[in-house]
Full PDB file with SEQRES, HELIX, SHEET, SSBOND, CRYST1, ORIGX, SCALE, CONECT and MASTER records, all heavy atoms in Angstrom:
SEQRES   1 A   36  TRP TYR SER ILE PHE HIS ALA VAL SER ALA PHE CYS ASN          
SEQRES   2 A   36  ALA GLY ILE ASP LEU LEU GLY GLY ASN SER PHE CYS ASN          
SEQRES   3 A   36  TYR VAL ASP ASN GLY MET VAL ASN LEU VAL                      
HELIX    1 AA1 TYR A    2  PHE A   11  1                                  10    
HELIX    2 AA2 CYS A   25  TYR A   27  5                                   3    
HELIX    3 AA3 GLY A   31  LEU A   35  1                                   5    
CRYST1    1.000    1.000    1.000  90.00  90.00  90.00 P 1           1          
ORIGX1      1.000000  0.000000  0.000000        0.00000                         
ORIGX2      0.000000  1.000000  0.000000        0.00000                         
ORIGX3      0.000000  0.000000  1.000000        0.00000                         
SCALE1      1.000000  0.000000  0.000000        0.00000                         
SCALE2      0.000000  1.000000  0.000000        0.00000                         
SCALE3      0.000000  0.000000  1.000000        0.00000                         
ATOM      1  N   TRP A   1       0.833  -1.206   0.000  1.00  0.00           N  
ATOM      2  CA  TRP A   1       0.000   0.000   0.000  1.00  0.00           C  
ATOM      3  C   TRP A   1       0.868   1.257   0.000  1.00  0.00           C  
ATOM      4  O   TRP A   1       0.581   2.215  -0.726  1.00  0.00           O  
ATOM      5  CB  TRP A   1      -0.932  -0.010   1.194  1.00  0.00           C  
ATOM      6  CG  TRP A   1      -1.661   1.287   1.434  1.00  0.00           C  
ATOM      7  CD1 TRP A   1      -1.574   2.100   2.511  1.00  0.00           C  
ATOM      8  CD2 TRP A   1      -2.599   1.914   0.543  1.00  0.00           C  
ATOM      9  NE1 TRP A   1      -2.376   3.200   2.361  1.00  0.00           N  
ATOM     10  CE2 TRP A   1      -3.017   3.106   1.165  1.00  0.00           C  
ATOM     11  CE3 TRP A   1      -3.108   1.594  -0.721  1.00  0.00           C  
ATOM     12  CZ2 TRP A   1      -3.940   3.978   0.574  1.00  0.00           C  
ATOM     13  CZ3 TRP A   1      -4.023   2.464  -1.302  1.00  0.00           C  
ATOM     14  CH2 TRP A   1      -4.422   3.630  -0.661  1.00  0.00           C  
ATOM     15  N   TYR A   2       1.920   1.251   0.787  1.00  0.00           N  
ATOM     16  CA  TYR A   2       2.834   2.398   0.820  1.00  0.00           C  
ATOM     17  C   TYR A   2       3.431   2.655  -0.560  1.00  0.00           C  
ATOM     18  O   TYR A   2       3.588   3.812  -0.985  1.00  0.00           O  
ATOM     19  CB  TYR A   2       3.963   2.146   1.823  1.00  0.00           C  
ATOM     20  CG  TYR A   2       3.598   2.392   3.267  1.00  0.00           C  
ATOM     21  CD1 TYR A   2       2.283   2.628   3.643  1.00  0.00           C  
ATOM     22  CD2 TYR A   2       4.561   2.377   4.267  1.00  0.00           C  
ATOM     23  CE1 TYR A   2       1.936   2.839   4.959  1.00  0.00           C  
ATOM     24  CE2 TYR A   2       4.235   2.609   5.593  1.00  0.00           C  
ATOM     25  CZ  TYR A   2       2.923   2.833   5.933  1.00  0.00           C  
ATOM     26  OH  TYR A   2       2.593   3.060   7.244  1.00  0.00           O  
ATOM     27  N   SER A   3       3.765   1.594  -1.271  1.00  0.00           N  
ATOM     28  CA  SER A   3       4.368   1.737  -2.597  1.00  0.00           C  
ATOM     29  C   SER A   3       3.390   2.371  -3.579  1.00  0.00           C  
ATOM     30  O   SER A   3       3.750   3.284  -4.341  1.00  0.00           O  
ATOM     31  CB  SER A   3       4.809   0.367  -3.124  1.00  0.00           C  
ATOM     32  OG  SER A   3       5.745  -0.230  -2.256  1.00  0.00           O  
ATOM     33  N   ILE A   4       2.146   1.890  -3.565  1.00  0.00           N  
ATOM     34  CA  ILE A   4       1.128   2.428  -4.469  1.00  0.00           C  
ATOM     35  C   ILE A   4       0.839   3.886  -4.136  1.00  0.00           C  
ATOM     36  O   ILE A   4       0.817   4.759  -5.021  1.00  0.00           O  
ATOM     37  CB  ILE A   4      -0.159   1.593  -4.388  1.00  0.00           C  
ATOM     38  CG1 ILE A   4       0.103   0.168  -4.875  1.00  0.00           C  
ATOM     39  CG2 ILE A   4      -1.281   2.244  -5.190  1.00  0.00           C  
ATOM     40  CD1 ILE A   4      -1.067  -0.782  -4.660  1.00  0.00           C  
ATOM     41  N   PHE A   5       0.636   4.173  -2.858  1.00  0.00           N  
ATOM     42  CA  PHE A   5       0.270   5.526  -2.434  1.00  0.00           C  
ATOM     43  C   PHE A   5       1.355   6.530  -2.807  1.00  0.00           C  
ATOM     44  O   PHE A   5       1.074   7.593  -3.380  1.00  0.00           O  
ATOM     45  CB  PHE A   5       0.028   5.555  -0.921  1.00  0.00           C  
ATOM     46  CG  PHE A   5      -0.522   6.867  -0.424  1.00  0.00           C  
ATOM     47  CD1 PHE A   5      -1.885   7.028  -0.244  1.00  0.00           C  
ATOM     48  CD2 PHE A   5       0.309   7.944  -0.140  1.00  0.00           C  
ATOM     49  CE1 PHE A   5      -2.411   8.241   0.203  1.00  0.00           C  
ATOM     50  CE2 PHE A   5      -0.198   9.152   0.310  1.00  0.00           C  
ATOM     51  CZ  PHE A   5      -1.561   9.302   0.481  1.00  0.00           C  
ATOM     52  N   HIS A   6       2.603   6.209  -2.499  1.00  0.00           N  
ATOM     53  CA  HIS A   6       3.678   7.167  -2.747  1.00  0.00           C  
ATOM     54  C   HIS A   6       4.009   7.292  -4.233  1.00  0.00           C  
ATOM     55  O   HIS A   6       4.470   8.357  -4.670  1.00  0.00           O  
ATOM     56  CB  HIS A   6       4.920   6.776  -1.938  1.00  0.00           C  
ATOM     57  CG  HIS A   6       4.739   6.942  -0.468  1.00  0.00           C  
ATOM     58  ND1 HIS A   6       4.459   5.885   0.372  1.00  0.00           N  
ATOM     59  CD2 HIS A   6       4.776   8.042   0.322  1.00  0.00           C  
ATOM     60  CE1 HIS A   6       4.341   6.327   1.614  1.00  0.00           C  
ATOM     61  NE2 HIS A   6       4.523   7.631   1.609  1.00  0.00           N  
ATOM     62  N   ALA A   7       3.754   6.235  -5.018  1.00  0.00           N  
ATOM     63  CA  ALA A   7       3.950   6.334  -6.464  1.00  0.00           C  
ATOM     64  C   ALA A   7       2.946   7.310  -7.070  1.00  0.00           C  
ATOM     65  O   ALA A   7       3.305   8.155  -7.898  1.00  0.00           O  
ATOM     66  CB  ALA A   7       3.818   4.961  -7.117  1.00  0.00           C  
ATOM     67  N   VAL A   8       1.687   7.201  -6.656  1.00  0.00           N  
ATOM     68  CA  VAL A   8       0.652   8.125  -7.136  1.00  0.00           C  
ATOM     69  C   VAL A   8       0.943   9.537  -6.648  1.00  0.00           C  
ATOM     70  O   VAL A   8       0.845  10.510  -7.403  1.00  0.00           O  
ATOM     71  CB  VAL A   8      -0.743   7.672  -6.665  1.00  0.00           C  
ATOM     72  CG1 VAL A   8      -1.796   8.710  -7.032  1.00  0.00           C  
ATOM     73  CG2 VAL A   8      -1.094   6.321  -7.270  1.00  0.00           C  
ATOM     74  N   SER A   9       1.317   9.660  -5.377  1.00  0.00           N  
ATOM     75  CA  SER A   9       1.619  10.973  -4.803  1.00  0.00           C  
ATOM     76  C   SER A   9       2.798  11.636  -5.506  1.00  0.00           C  
ATOM     77  O   SER A   9       2.791  12.842  -5.760  1.00  0.00           O  
ATOM     78  CB  SER A   9       1.915  10.826  -3.308  1.00  0.00           C  
ATOM     79  OG  SER A   9       2.105  12.094  -2.698  1.00  0.00           O  
ATOM     80  N   ALA A  10       3.818  10.845  -5.860  1.00  0.00           N  
ATOM     81  CA  ALA A  10       4.994  11.395  -6.533  1.00  0.00           C  
ATOM     82  C   ALA A  10       4.678  11.780  -7.972  1.00  0.00           C  
ATOM     83  O   ALA A  10       5.051  12.869  -8.425  1.00  0.00           O  
ATOM     84  CB  ALA A  10       6.144  10.388  -6.495  1.00  0.00           C  
ATOM     85  N   PHE A  11       3.977  10.906  -8.708  1.00  0.00           N  
ATOM     86  CA  PHE A  11       3.672  11.215 -10.102  1.00  0.00           C  
ATOM     87  C   PHE A  11       2.741  12.415 -10.218  1.00  0.00           C  
ATOM     88  O   PHE A  11       2.888  13.239 -11.134  1.00  0.00           O  
ATOM     89  CB  PHE A  11       3.035  10.011 -10.803  1.00  0.00           C  
ATOM     90  CG  PHE A  11       2.764  10.253 -12.252  1.00  0.00           C  
ATOM     91  CD1 PHE A  11       3.772  10.096 -13.193  1.00  0.00           C  
ATOM     92  CD2 PHE A  11       1.512  10.657 -12.688  1.00  0.00           C  
ATOM     93  CE1 PHE A  11       3.533  10.340 -14.546  1.00  0.00           C  
ATOM     94  CE2 PHE A  11       1.264  10.910 -14.032  1.00  0.00           C  
ATOM     95  CZ  PHE A  11       2.279  10.748 -14.957  1.00  0.00           C  
ATOM     96  N   CYS A  12       1.784  12.521  -9.314  1.00  0.00           N  
ATOM     97  CA  CYS A  12       0.858  13.656  -9.340  1.00  0.00           C  
ATOM     98  C   CYS A  12       1.443  14.901  -8.681  1.00  0.00           C  
ATOM     99  O   CYS A  12       0.773  15.919  -8.555  1.00  0.00           O  
ATOM    100  CB  CYS A  12      -0.459  13.277  -8.660  1.00  0.00           C  
ATOM    101  SG  CYS A  12      -1.401  12.025  -9.563  1.00  0.00           S  
ATOM    102  N   ASN A  13       2.701  14.809  -8.243  1.00  0.00           N  
ATOM    103  CA  ASN A  13       3.390  15.940  -7.615  1.00  0.00           C  
ATOM    104  C   ASN A  13       2.689  16.416  -6.357  1.00  0.00           C  
ATOM    105  O   ASN A  13       2.685  17.613  -6.044  1.00  0.00           O  
ATOM    106  CB  ASN A  13       3.524  17.106  -8.612  1.00  0.00           C  
ATOM    107  CG  ASN A  13       4.656  16.916  -9.601  1.00  0.00           C  
ATOM    108  OD1 ASN A  13       5.220  17.873 -10.115  1.00  0.00           O  
ATOM    109  ND2 ASN A  13       5.005  15.679  -9.863  1.00  0.00           N  
ATOM    110  N   ALA A  14       2.067  15.480  -5.622  1.00  0.00           N  
ATOM    111  CA  ALA A  14       1.340  15.847  -4.406  1.00  0.00           C  
ATOM    112  C   ALA A  14       2.273  15.974  -3.205  1.00  0.00           C  
ATOM    113  O   ALA A  14       2.140  16.878  -2.394  1.00  0.00           O  
ATOM    114  CB  ALA A  14       0.245  14.822  -4.123  1.00  0.00           C  
ATOM    115  N   GLY A  15       3.200  15.037  -3.050  1.00  0.00           N  
ATOM    116  CA  GLY A  15       4.146  15.118  -1.945  1.00  0.00           C  
ATOM    117  C   GLY A  15       3.590  14.710  -0.599  1.00  0.00           C  
ATOM    118  O   GLY A  15       4.224  14.929   0.432  1.00  0.00           O  
ATOM    119  N   ILE A  16       2.402  14.114  -0.572  1.00  0.00           N  
ATOM    120  CA  ILE A  16       1.817  13.636   0.687  1.00  0.00           C  
ATOM    121  C   ILE A  16       2.354  12.239   0.974  1.00  0.00           C  
ATOM    122  O   ILE A  16       2.372  11.374   0.104  1.00  0.00           O  
ATOM    123  CB  ILE A  16       0.282  13.613   0.595  1.00  0.00           C  
ATOM    124  CG1 ILE A  16      -0.245  15.050   0.418  1.00  0.00           C  
ATOM    125  CG2 ILE A  16      -0.344  12.958   1.815  1.00  0.00           C  
ATOM    126  CD1 ILE A  16      -1.742  15.135   0.239  1.00  0.00           C  
ATOM    127  N   ASP A  17       2.797  12.009   2.218  1.00  0.00           N  
ATOM    128  CA  ASP A  17       3.400  10.718   2.558  1.00  0.00           C  
ATOM    129  C   ASP A  17       2.697  10.097   3.756  1.00  0.00           C  
ATOM    130  O   ASP A  17       1.963  10.767   4.486  1.00  0.00           O  
ATOM    131  CB  ASP A  17       4.896  10.905   2.869  1.00  0.00           C  
ATOM    132  CG  ASP A  17       5.128  11.637   4.170  1.00  0.00           C  
ATOM    133  OD1 ASP A  17       5.123  12.886   4.161  1.00  0.00           O  
ATOM    134  OD2 ASP A  17       5.298  10.970   5.219  1.00  0.00           O  
ATOM    135  N   LEU A  18       2.950   8.812   3.951  1.00  0.00           N  
ATOM    136  CA  LEU A  18       2.365   8.053   5.069  1.00  0.00           C  
ATOM    137  C   LEU A  18       3.437   7.594   6.050  1.00  0.00           C  
ATOM    138  O   LEU A  18       3.196   6.704   6.861  1.00  0.00           O  
ATOM    139  CB  LEU A  18       1.621   6.827   4.531  1.00  0.00           C  
ATOM    140  CG  LEU A  18       0.541   7.078   3.478  1.00  0.00           C  
ATOM    141  CD1 LEU A  18      -0.029   5.744   2.994  1.00  0.00           C  
ATOM    142  CD2 LEU A  18      -0.563   7.965   4.024  1.00  0.00           C  
ATOM    143  N   LEU A  19       4.620   8.203   5.994  1.00  0.00           N  
ATOM    144  CA  LEU A  19       5.780   7.678   6.706  1.00  0.00           C  
ATOM    145  C   LEU A  19       6.058   8.368   8.042  1.00  0.00           C  
ATOM    146  O   LEU A  19       7.164   8.302   8.557  1.00  0.00           O  
ATOM    147  CB  LEU A  19       7.021   7.780   5.807  1.00  0.00           C  
ATOM    148  CG  LEU A  19       6.894   7.065   4.459  1.00  0.00           C  
ATOM    149  CD1 LEU A  19       8.128   7.302   3.610  1.00  0.00           C  
ATOM    150  CD2 LEU A  19       6.677   5.570   4.667  1.00  0.00           C  
ATOM    151  N   GLY A  20       5.071   9.054   8.584  1.00  0.00           N  
ATOM    152  CA  GLY A  20       5.247   9.618   9.912  1.00  0.00           C  
ATOM    153  C   GLY A  20       5.496  11.108   9.960  1.00  0.00           C  
ATOM    154  O   GLY A  20       5.835  11.648  11.008  1.00  0.00           O  
ATOM    155  N   GLY A  21       5.347  11.795   8.845  1.00  0.00           N  
ATOM    156  CA  GLY A  21       5.487  13.241   8.850  1.00  0.00           C  
ATOM    157  C   GLY A  21       6.863  13.758   8.504  1.00  0.00           C  
ATOM    158  O   GLY A  21       7.062  14.968   8.381  1.00  0.00           O  
ATOM    159  N   ASN A  22       7.855  12.864   8.323  1.00  0.00           N  
ATOM    160  CA  ASN A  22       9.203  13.298   7.967  1.00  0.00           C  
ATOM    161  C   ASN A  22       9.496  13.131   6.483  1.00  0.00           C  
ATOM    162  O   ASN A  22      10.659  13.180   6.078  1.00  0.00           O  
ATOM    163  CB  ASN A  22      10.239  12.507   8.777  1.00  0.00           C  
ATOM    164  CG  ASN A  22      10.198  12.860  10.246  1.00  0.00           C  
ATOM    165  OD1 ASN A  22       9.977  14.015  10.607  1.00  0.00           O  
ATOM    166  ND2 ASN A  22      10.385  11.866  11.101  1.00  0.00           N  
ATOM    167  N   SER A  23       8.431  12.895   5.702  1.00  0.00           N  
ATOM    168  CA  SER A  23       8.585  12.678   4.264  1.00  0.00           C  
ATOM    169  C   SER A  23       9.610  11.558   4.034  1.00  0.00           C  
ATOM    170  O   SER A  23       9.562  10.516   4.696  1.00  0.00           O  
ATOM    171  CB  SER A  23       8.994  13.977   3.564  1.00  0.00           C  
ATOM    172  OG  SER A  23       8.861  13.856   2.158  1.00  0.00           O  
ATOM    173  N   PHE A  24      10.579  11.769   3.144  1.00  0.00           N  
ATOM    174  CA  PHE A  24      11.588  10.758   2.852  1.00  0.00           C  
ATOM    175  C   PHE A  24      12.921  11.044   3.536  1.00  0.00           C  
ATOM    176  O   PHE A  24      13.970  10.572   3.070  1.00  0.00           O  
ATOM    177  CB  PHE A  24      11.810  10.659   1.343  1.00  0.00           C  
ATOM    178  CG  PHE A  24      10.675  10.015   0.591  1.00  0.00           C  
ATOM    179  CD1 PHE A  24      10.431  10.352  -0.732  1.00  0.00           C  
ATOM    180  CD2 PHE A  24       9.856   9.073   1.200  1.00  0.00           C  
ATOM    181  CE1 PHE A  24       9.390   9.755  -1.437  1.00  0.00           C  
ATOM    182  CE2 PHE A  24       8.812   8.478   0.517  1.00  0.00           C  
ATOM    183  CZ  PHE A  24       8.575   8.815  -0.808  1.00  0.00           C  
ATOM    184  N   CYS A  25      12.894  11.783   4.639  1.00  0.00           N  
ATOM    185  CA  CYS A  25      14.140  12.139   5.334  1.00  0.00           C  
ATOM    186  C   CYS A  25      14.899  10.904   5.818  1.00  0.00           C  
ATOM    187  O   CYS A  25      16.136  10.916   5.880  1.00  0.00           O  
ATOM    188  CB  CYS A  25      13.845  13.074   6.507  1.00  0.00           C  
ATOM    189  SG  CYS A  25      13.346  14.736   5.994  1.00  0.00           S  
ATOM    190  N   ASN A  26      14.179   9.851   6.169  1.00  0.00           N  
ATOM    191  CA  ASN A  26      14.835   8.625   6.625  1.00  0.00           C  
ATOM    192  C   ASN A  26      15.454   7.837   5.471  1.00  0.00           C  
ATOM    193  O   ASN A  26      16.160   6.847   5.700  1.00  0.00           O  
ATOM    194  CB  ASN A  26      13.833   7.733   7.364  1.00  0.00           C  
ATOM    195  CG  ASN A  26      13.353   8.359   8.664  1.00  0.00           C  
ATOM    196  OD1 ASN A  26      14.061   9.160   9.280  1.00  0.00           O  
ATOM    197  ND2 ASN A  26      12.148   8.016   9.084  1.00  0.00           N  
ATOM    198  N   TYR A  27      15.191   8.281   4.234  1.00  0.00           N  
ATOM    199  CA  TYR A  27      15.711   7.580   3.050  1.00  0.00           C  
ATOM    200  C   TYR A  27      16.656   8.463   2.249  1.00  0.00           C  
ATOM    201  O   TYR A  27      16.836   8.256   1.053  1.00  0.00           O  
ATOM    202  CB  TYR A  27      14.543   7.137   2.166  1.00  0.00           C  
ATOM    203  CG  TYR A  27      13.593   6.188   2.853  1.00  0.00           C  
ATOM    204  CD1 TYR A  27      12.471   6.651   3.525  1.00  0.00           C  
ATOM    205  CD2 TYR A  27      13.840   4.817   2.851  1.00  0.00           C  
ATOM    206  CE1 TYR A  27      11.607   5.779   4.166  1.00  0.00           C  
ATOM    207  CE2 TYR A  27      12.979   3.933   3.481  1.00  0.00           C  
ATOM    208  CZ  TYR A  27      11.873   4.422   4.150  1.00  0.00           C  
ATOM    209  OH  TYR A  27      11.020   3.556   4.791  1.00  0.00           O  
ATOM    210  N   VAL A  28      17.282   9.421   2.913  1.00  0.00           N  
ATOM    211  CA  VAL A  28      18.166  10.343   2.217  1.00  0.00           C  
ATOM    212  C   VAL A  28      19.340   9.619   1.563  1.00  0.00           C  
ATOM    213  O   VAL A  28      19.873  10.081   0.542  1.00  0.00           O  
ATOM    214  CB  VAL A  28      18.677  11.434   3.192  1.00  0.00           C  
ATOM    215  CG1 VAL A  28      19.526  10.831   4.305  1.00  0.00           C  
ATOM    216  CG2 VAL A  28      19.455  12.518   2.451  1.00  0.00           C  
ATOM    217  N   ASP A  29      19.721   8.466   2.124  1.00  0.00           N  
ATOM    218  CA  ASP A  29      20.846   7.705   1.567  1.00  0.00           C  
ATOM    219  C   ASP A  29      20.392   6.470   0.796  1.00  0.00           C  
ATOM    220  O   ASP A  29      21.209   5.618   0.437  1.00  0.00           O  
ATOM    221  CB  ASP A  29      21.810   7.291   2.676  1.00  0.00           C  
ATOM    222  CG  ASP A  29      21.127   6.456   3.756  1.00  0.00           C  
ATOM    223  OD1 ASP A  29      19.876   6.380   3.756  1.00  0.00           O  
ATOM    224  OD2 ASP A  29      21.842   5.881   4.604  1.00  0.00           O  
ATOM    225  N   ASN A  30      19.074   6.349   0.548  1.00  0.00           N  
ATOM    226  CA  ASN A  30      18.541   5.191  -0.171  1.00  0.00           C  
ATOM    227  C   ASN A  30      18.426   5.528  -1.655  1.00  0.00           C  
ATOM    228  O   ASN A  30      17.562   6.306  -2.068  1.00  0.00           O  
ATOM    229  CB  ASN A  30      17.177   4.793   0.395  1.00  0.00           C  
ATOM    230  CG  ASN A  30      16.673   3.471  -0.158  1.00  0.00           C  
ATOM    231  OD1 ASN A  30      16.451   3.328  -1.353  1.00  0.00           O  
ATOM    232  ND2 ASN A  30      16.500   2.492   0.718  1.00  0.00           N  
ATOM    233  N   GLY A  31      19.273   4.928  -2.460  1.00  0.00           N  
ATOM    234  CA  GLY A  31      19.309   5.241  -3.877  1.00  0.00           C  
ATOM    235  C   GLY A  31      18.024   4.920  -4.603  1.00  0.00           C  
ATOM    236  O   GLY A  31      17.579   5.685  -5.467  1.00  0.00           O  
ATOM    237  N   MET A  32      17.386   3.784  -4.274  1.00  0.00           N  
ATOM    238  CA  MET A  32      16.173   3.372  -4.967  1.00  0.00           C  
ATOM    239  C   MET A  32      15.037   4.367  -4.732  1.00  0.00           C  
ATOM    240  O   MET A  32      14.373   4.809  -5.675  1.00  0.00           O  
ATOM    241  CB  MET A  32      15.750   1.975  -4.506  1.00  0.00           C  
ATOM    242  CG  MET A  32      14.465   1.471  -5.164  1.00  0.00           C  
ATOM    243  SD  MET A  32      14.588   1.352  -6.979  1.00  0.00           S  
ATOM    244  CE  MET A  32      15.712  -0.033  -7.138  1.00  0.00           C  
ATOM    245  N   VAL A  33      14.789   4.732  -3.477  1.00  0.00           N  
ATOM    246  CA  VAL A  33      13.715   5.683  -3.166  1.00  0.00           C  
ATOM    247  C   VAL A  33      13.986   7.022  -3.837  1.00  0.00           C  
ATOM    248  O   VAL A  33      13.078   7.645  -4.414  1.00  0.00           O  
ATOM    249  CB  VAL A  33      13.566   5.859  -1.639  1.00  0.00           C  
ATOM    250  CG1 VAL A  33      12.599   7.002  -1.324  1.00  0.00           C  
ATOM    251  CG2 VAL A  33      13.068   4.568  -1.007  1.00  0.00           C  
ATOM    252  N   ASN A  34      15.232   7.479  -3.785  1.00  0.00           N  
ATOM    253  CA  ASN A  34      15.578   8.756  -4.392  1.00  0.00           C  
ATOM    254  C   ASN A  34      15.379   8.733  -5.899  1.00  0.00           C  
ATOM    255  O   ASN A  34      14.754   9.638  -6.473  1.00  0.00           O  
ATOM    256  CB  ASN A  34      17.036   9.113  -4.075  1.00  0.00           C  
ATOM    257  CG  ASN A  34      17.209   9.748  -2.720  1.00  0.00           C  
ATOM    258  OD1 ASN A  34      17.329  10.964  -2.584  1.00  0.00           O  
ATOM    259  ND2 ASN A  34      17.239   8.924  -1.677  1.00  0.00           N  
ATOM    260  N   LEU A  35      15.895   7.710  -6.553  1.00  0.00           N  
ATOM    261  CA  LEU A  35      15.842   7.664  -8.017  1.00  0.00           C  
ATOM    262  C   LEU A  35      14.413   7.466  -8.537  1.00  0.00           C  
ATOM    263  O   LEU A  35      14.032   8.076  -9.539  1.00  0.00           O  
ATOM    264  CB  LEU A  35      16.750   6.549  -8.541  1.00  0.00           C  
ATOM    265  CG  LEU A  35      18.253   6.782  -8.330  1.00  0.00           C  
ATOM    266  CD1 LEU A  35      19.053   5.572  -8.816  1.00  0.00           C  
ATOM    267  CD2 LEU A  35      18.712   8.044  -9.051  1.00  0.00           C  
ATOM    268  N   VAL A  36      13.630   6.624  -7.870  1.00  0.00           N  
ATOM    269  CA  VAL A  36      12.240   6.416  -8.284  1.00  0.00           C  
ATOM    270  C   VAL A  36      11.454   7.716  -8.152  1.00  0.00           C  
ATOM    271  O   VAL A  36      10.702   8.108  -9.061  1.00  0.00           O  
ATOM    272  CB  VAL A  36      11.576   5.300  -7.457  1.00  0.00           C  
ATOM    273  CG1 VAL A  36      10.069   5.273  -7.705  1.00  0.00           C  
ATOM    274  CG2 VAL A  36      12.176   3.949  -7.812  1.00  0.00           C  
TER     275      VAL A  36                                                      
MASTER        0    0    0    3    0    0    0    6  274    1    0    3          
END                                                                             
């Protein structure tokens, strides 16, 4: 569910996340999340 939600949010340029309010800050060093 997280994958589907964030893919739609990213493509639609919404920027809304379900990860606790810190957006992708916990994935700053994760290449896959950044590149996708």
